[in-house]
Amino acid sequence: QRRLVESGGGLVQAGASLRRPCVASGSGARVSPNAWYRRAPGSQSEMVAALTSGGVTAYADSVEGRFTISRDNANNMLYLQMDNLLPEDTATYFCKAKVLGREDDVWGQGTQVTVSS
């Protein structure tokens, strides 16, 4: 079964940086990691950053200029570089991948990022 493995979360102070890798593992349908979402306590999930196959990026207004999404195509990995973290960035972050050839997505297990002021 194909799954996404995320890492790089944790507890940091405001102003710090984190680099979040996401990699597809297991067997099954081919997937292409293409976006990061987050869910803060008491809030709905929101798209943080997305990257199309053509290299076009999109960011939530709240992270524009601070977060950068990128992909390592050779290793089918997706990265989220998070700079100048703010307490309001505290959330569980999820990596998402598109299943190639199907209208379906695969999600990572979610990792917590906590930013203290």
C-alpha atoms as a PDB file:
ATOM      1  CA  GLN A   1       0.000   0.000   0.000  1.00  0.00           C
ATOM      2  CA  ARG A   2       1.350   3.377  -0.971  1.00  0.00           C
ATOM      3  CA  ARG A   3       1.762   5.878   1.835  1.00  0.00           C
ATOM      4  CA  LEU A   4       3.418   9.202   2.481  1.00  0.00           C
ATOM      5  CA  VAL A   5       6.004   9.648   5.188  1.00  0.00           C
ATOM      6  CA  GLU A   6       6.566  13.098   6.632  1.00  0.00           C
ATOM      7  CA  SER A   7       9.237  14.314   8.993  1.00  0.00           C
ATOM      8  CA  GLY A   8      10.763  17.527  10.278  1.00  0.00           C
ATOM      9  CA  GLY A   9       8.069  18.634  12.699  1.00  0.00           C
ATOM     10  CA  GLY A  10       8.589  19.622  16.309  1.00  0.00           C
ATOM     11  CA  LEU A  11       8.633  22.458  18.813  1.00  0.00           C
ATOM     12  CA  VAL A  12      10.445  25.629  17.796  1.00  0.00           C
ATOM     13  CA  GLN A  13      10.562  29.268  18.834  1.00  0.00           C
ATOM     14  CA  ALA A  14       9.084  32.074  16.811  1.00  0.00           C
ATOM     15  CA  GLY A  15      11.426  33.143  14.037  1.00  0.00           C
ATOM     16  CA  ALA A  16      12.917  29.684  13.592  1.00  0.00           C
ATOM     17  CA  SER A  17      12.938  27.614  10.413  1.00  0.00           C
ATOM     18  CA  LEU A  18      11.949  24.042   9.632  1.00  0.00           C
ATOM     19  CA  ARG A  19      12.408  21.968   6.509  1.00  0.00           C
ATOM     20  CA  ARG A  20       9.717  19.355   6.019  1.00  0.00           C
ATOM     21  CA  PRO A  21      10.370  16.457   3.678  1.00  0.00           C
ATOM     22  CA  CYS A  22       7.637  14.146   2.413  1.00  0.00           C
ATOM     23  CA  VAL A  23       8.374  10.921   0.573  1.00  0.00           C
ATOM     24  CA  ALA A  24       6.185   8.209  -0.912  1.00  0.00           C
ATOM     25  CA  SER A  25       6.900   4.718   0.373  1.00  0.00           C
ATOM     26  CA  GLY A  26       5.437   1.260   0.018  1.00  0.00           C
ATOM     27  CA  SER A  27       4.092  -0.301  -3.135  1.00  0.00           C
ATOM     28  CA  GLY A  28       1.048   0.270  -5.275  1.00  0.00           C
ATOM     29  CA  ALA A  29      -0.156   3.050  -7.508  1.00  0.00           C
ATOM     30  CA  ARG A  30       2.300   5.699  -8.562  1.00  0.00           C
ATOM     31  CA  VAL A  31       1.838   8.961  -6.719  1.00  0.00           C
ATOM     32  CA  SER A  32       3.158  12.481  -7.045  1.00  0.00           C
ATOM     33  CA  PRO A  33       3.396  14.492  -3.814  1.00  0.00           C
ATOM     34  CA  ASN A  34       2.054  17.932  -4.654  1.00  0.00           C
ATOM     35  CA  ALA A  35       0.760  19.873  -1.644  1.00  0.00           C
ATOM     36  CA  TRP A  36       0.926  20.580   2.062  1.00  0.00           C
ATOM     37  CA  TYR A  37      -2.122  21.215   4.226  1.00  0.00           C
ATOM     38  CA  ARG A  38      -2.454  22.057   7.891  1.00  0.00           C
ATOM     39  CA  ARG A  39      -5.094  21.906  10.561  1.00  0.00           C
ATOM     40  CA  ALA A  40      -4.874  24.057  13.658  1.00  0.00           C
ATOM     41  CA  PRO A  41      -6.827  23.174  16.811  1.00  0.00           C
ATOM     42  CA  GLY A  42     -10.447  24.203  16.421  1.00  0.00           C
ATOM     43  CA  SER A  43      -9.980  25.117  12.764  1.00  0.00           C
ATOM     44  CA  GLN A  44     -10.653  23.522   9.421  1.00  0.00           C
ATOM     45  CA  SER A  45      -7.875  22.230   7.240  1.00  0.00           C
ATOM     46  CA  GLU A  46      -6.329  24.712   4.878  1.00  0.00           C
ATOM     47  CA  MET A  47      -4.011  24.384   1.922  1.00  0.00           C
ATOM     48  CA  VAL A  48      -0.623  25.805   2.855  1.00  0.00           C
ATOM     49  CA  ALA A  49       1.291  25.317  -0.373  1.00  0.00           C
ATOM     50  CA  ALA A  50       0.840  23.463  -3.640  1.00  0.00           C
ATOM     51  CA  LEU A  51       3.076  22.665  -6.582  1.00  0.00           C
ATOM     52  CA  THR A  52       1.820  21.574  -9.987  1.00  0.00           C
ATOM     53  CA  SER A  53       3.614  19.164 -12.280  1.00  0.00           C
ATOM     54  CA  GLY A  54       4.532  22.172 -14.395  1.00  0.00           C
ATOM     55  CA  GLY A  55       6.234  23.893 -11.493  1.00  0.00           C
ATOM     56  CA  VAL A  56       3.541  26.459 -10.683  1.00  0.00           C
ATOM     57  CA  THR A  57       3.272  27.194  -6.967  1.00  0.00           C
ATOM     58  CA  ALA A  58       0.423  28.476  -4.836  1.00  0.00           C
ATOM     59  CA  TYR A  59       0.514  29.569  -1.224  1.00  0.00           C
ATOM     60  CA  ALA A  60      -1.927  30.541   1.463  1.00  0.00           C
ATOM     61  CA  ASP A  61      -1.829  34.288   2.051  1.00  0.00           C
ATOM     62  CA  SER A  62      -0.734  33.687   5.633  1.00  0.00           C
ATOM     63  CA  VAL A  63       2.503  31.955   4.583  1.00  0.00           C
ATOM     64  CA  GLU A  64       3.324  33.785   1.329  1.00  0.00           C
ATOM     65  CA  GLY A  65       6.933  34.942   1.450  1.00  0.00           C
ATOM     66  CA  ARG A  66       7.813  32.723   4.417  1.00  0.00           C
ATOM     67  CA  PHE A  67       7.174  29.183   3.152  1.00  0.00           C
ATOM     68  CA  THR A  68       8.593  27.591   0.018  1.00  0.00           C
ATOM     69  CA  ILE A  69       7.396  24.359  -1.583  1.00  0.00           C
ATOM     70  CA  SER A  70       9.723  22.372  -3.816  1.00  0.00           C
ATOM     71  CA  ARG A  71      10.034  18.893  -5.299  1.00  0.00           C
ATOM     72  CA  ASP A  72      12.884  16.470  -5.889  1.00  0.00           C
ATOM     73  CA  ASN A  73      11.579  14.649  -8.943  1.00  0.00           C
ATOM     74  CA  ALA A  74      14.380  12.111  -9.031  1.00  0.00           C
ATOM     75  CA  ASN A  75      13.426  10.828  -5.587  1.00  0.00           C
ATOM     76  CA  ASN A  76       9.723  11.710  -5.709  1.00  0.00           C
ATOM     77  CA  MET A  77      10.040  13.861  -2.614  1.00  0.00           C
ATOM     78  CA  LEU A  78       8.231  17.050  -1.682  1.00  0.00           C
ATOM     79  CA  TYR A  79       9.666  19.673   0.633  1.00  0.00           C
ATOM     80  CA  LEU A  80       8.196  22.533   2.613  1.00  0.00           C
ATOM     81  CA  GLN A  81      10.730  25.092   3.766  1.00  0.00           C
ATOM     82  CA  MET A  82       9.193  27.058   6.619  1.00  0.00           C
ATOM     83  CA  ASP A  83      11.016  30.263   7.562  1.00  0.00           C
ATOM     84  CA  ASN A  84      10.247  32.956  10.120  1.00  0.00           C
ATOM     85  CA  LEU A  85       7.749  30.707  11.862  1.00  0.00           C
ATOM     86  CA  LEU A  86       5.004  32.393  13.853  1.00  0.00           C
ATOM     87  CA  PRO A  87       2.901  31.058  16.741  1.00  0.00           C
ATOM     88  CA  GLU A  88      -0.103  31.044  14.400  1.00  0.00           C
ATOM     89  CA  ASP A  89       1.702  28.473  12.261  1.00  0.00           C
ATOM     90  CA  THR A  90       1.134  25.956  15.057  1.00  0.00           C
ATOM     91  CA  ALA A  91      -0.811  23.089  13.502  1.00  0.00           C
ATOM     92  CA  THR A  92      -0.694  19.510  12.308  1.00  0.00           C
ATOM     93  CA  TYR A  93       0.781  19.483   8.821  1.00  0.00           C
ATOM     94  CA  PHE A  94      -0.175  16.931   6.187  1.00  0.00           C
ATOM     95  CA  CYS A  95       1.518  16.067   2.924  1.00  0.00           C
ATOM     96  CA  LYS A  96      -0.773  15.177   0.002  1.00  0.00           C
ATOM     97  CA  ALA A  97      -0.019  13.309  -3.183  1.00  0.00           C
ATOM     98  CA  LYS A  98      -2.018  12.829  -6.345  1.00  0.00           C
ATOM     99  CA  VAL A  99      -2.476   9.239  -7.474  1.00  0.00           C
ATOM    100  CA  LEU A 100      -1.327   9.199 -11.074  1.00  0.00           C
ATOM    101  CA  GLY A 101      -3.948   8.041 -13.563  1.00  0.00           C
ATOM    102  CA  ARG A 102      -6.799   8.267 -11.055  1.00  0.00           C
ATOM    103  CA  GLU A 103      -8.889  10.965  -9.448  1.00  0.00           C
ATOM    104  CA  ASP A 104      -7.623  10.129  -6.002  1.00  0.00           C
ATOM    105  CA  ASP A 105      -5.233  11.440  -3.376  1.00  0.00           C
ATOM    106  CA  VAL A 106      -3.004   9.917  -0.720  1.00  0.00           C
ATOM    107  CA  TRP A 107      -2.375  11.695   2.564  1.00  0.00           C
ATOM    108  CA  GLY A 108       0.454  11.556   5.057  1.00  0.00           C
ATOM    109  CA  GLN A 109      -0.162  10.749   8.695  1.00  0.00           C
ATOM    110  CA  GLY A 110       0.331  14.351   9.803  1.00  0.00           C
ATOM    111  CA  THR A 111       3.095  15.769  11.958  1.00  0.00           C
ATOM    112  CA  GLN A 112       2.812  18.448  14.595  1.00  0.00           C
ATOM    113  CA  VAL A 113       4.564  21.794  14.386  1.00  0.00           C
ATOM    114  CA  THR A 114       4.371  23.954  17.494  1.00  0.00           C
ATOM    115  CA  VAL A 115       5.757  27.484  17.488  1.00  0.00           C
ATOM    116  CA  SER A 116       6.256  29.159  20.845  1.00  0.00           C
ATOM    117  CA  SER A 117       6.334  32.921  21.226  1.00  0.00           C
END
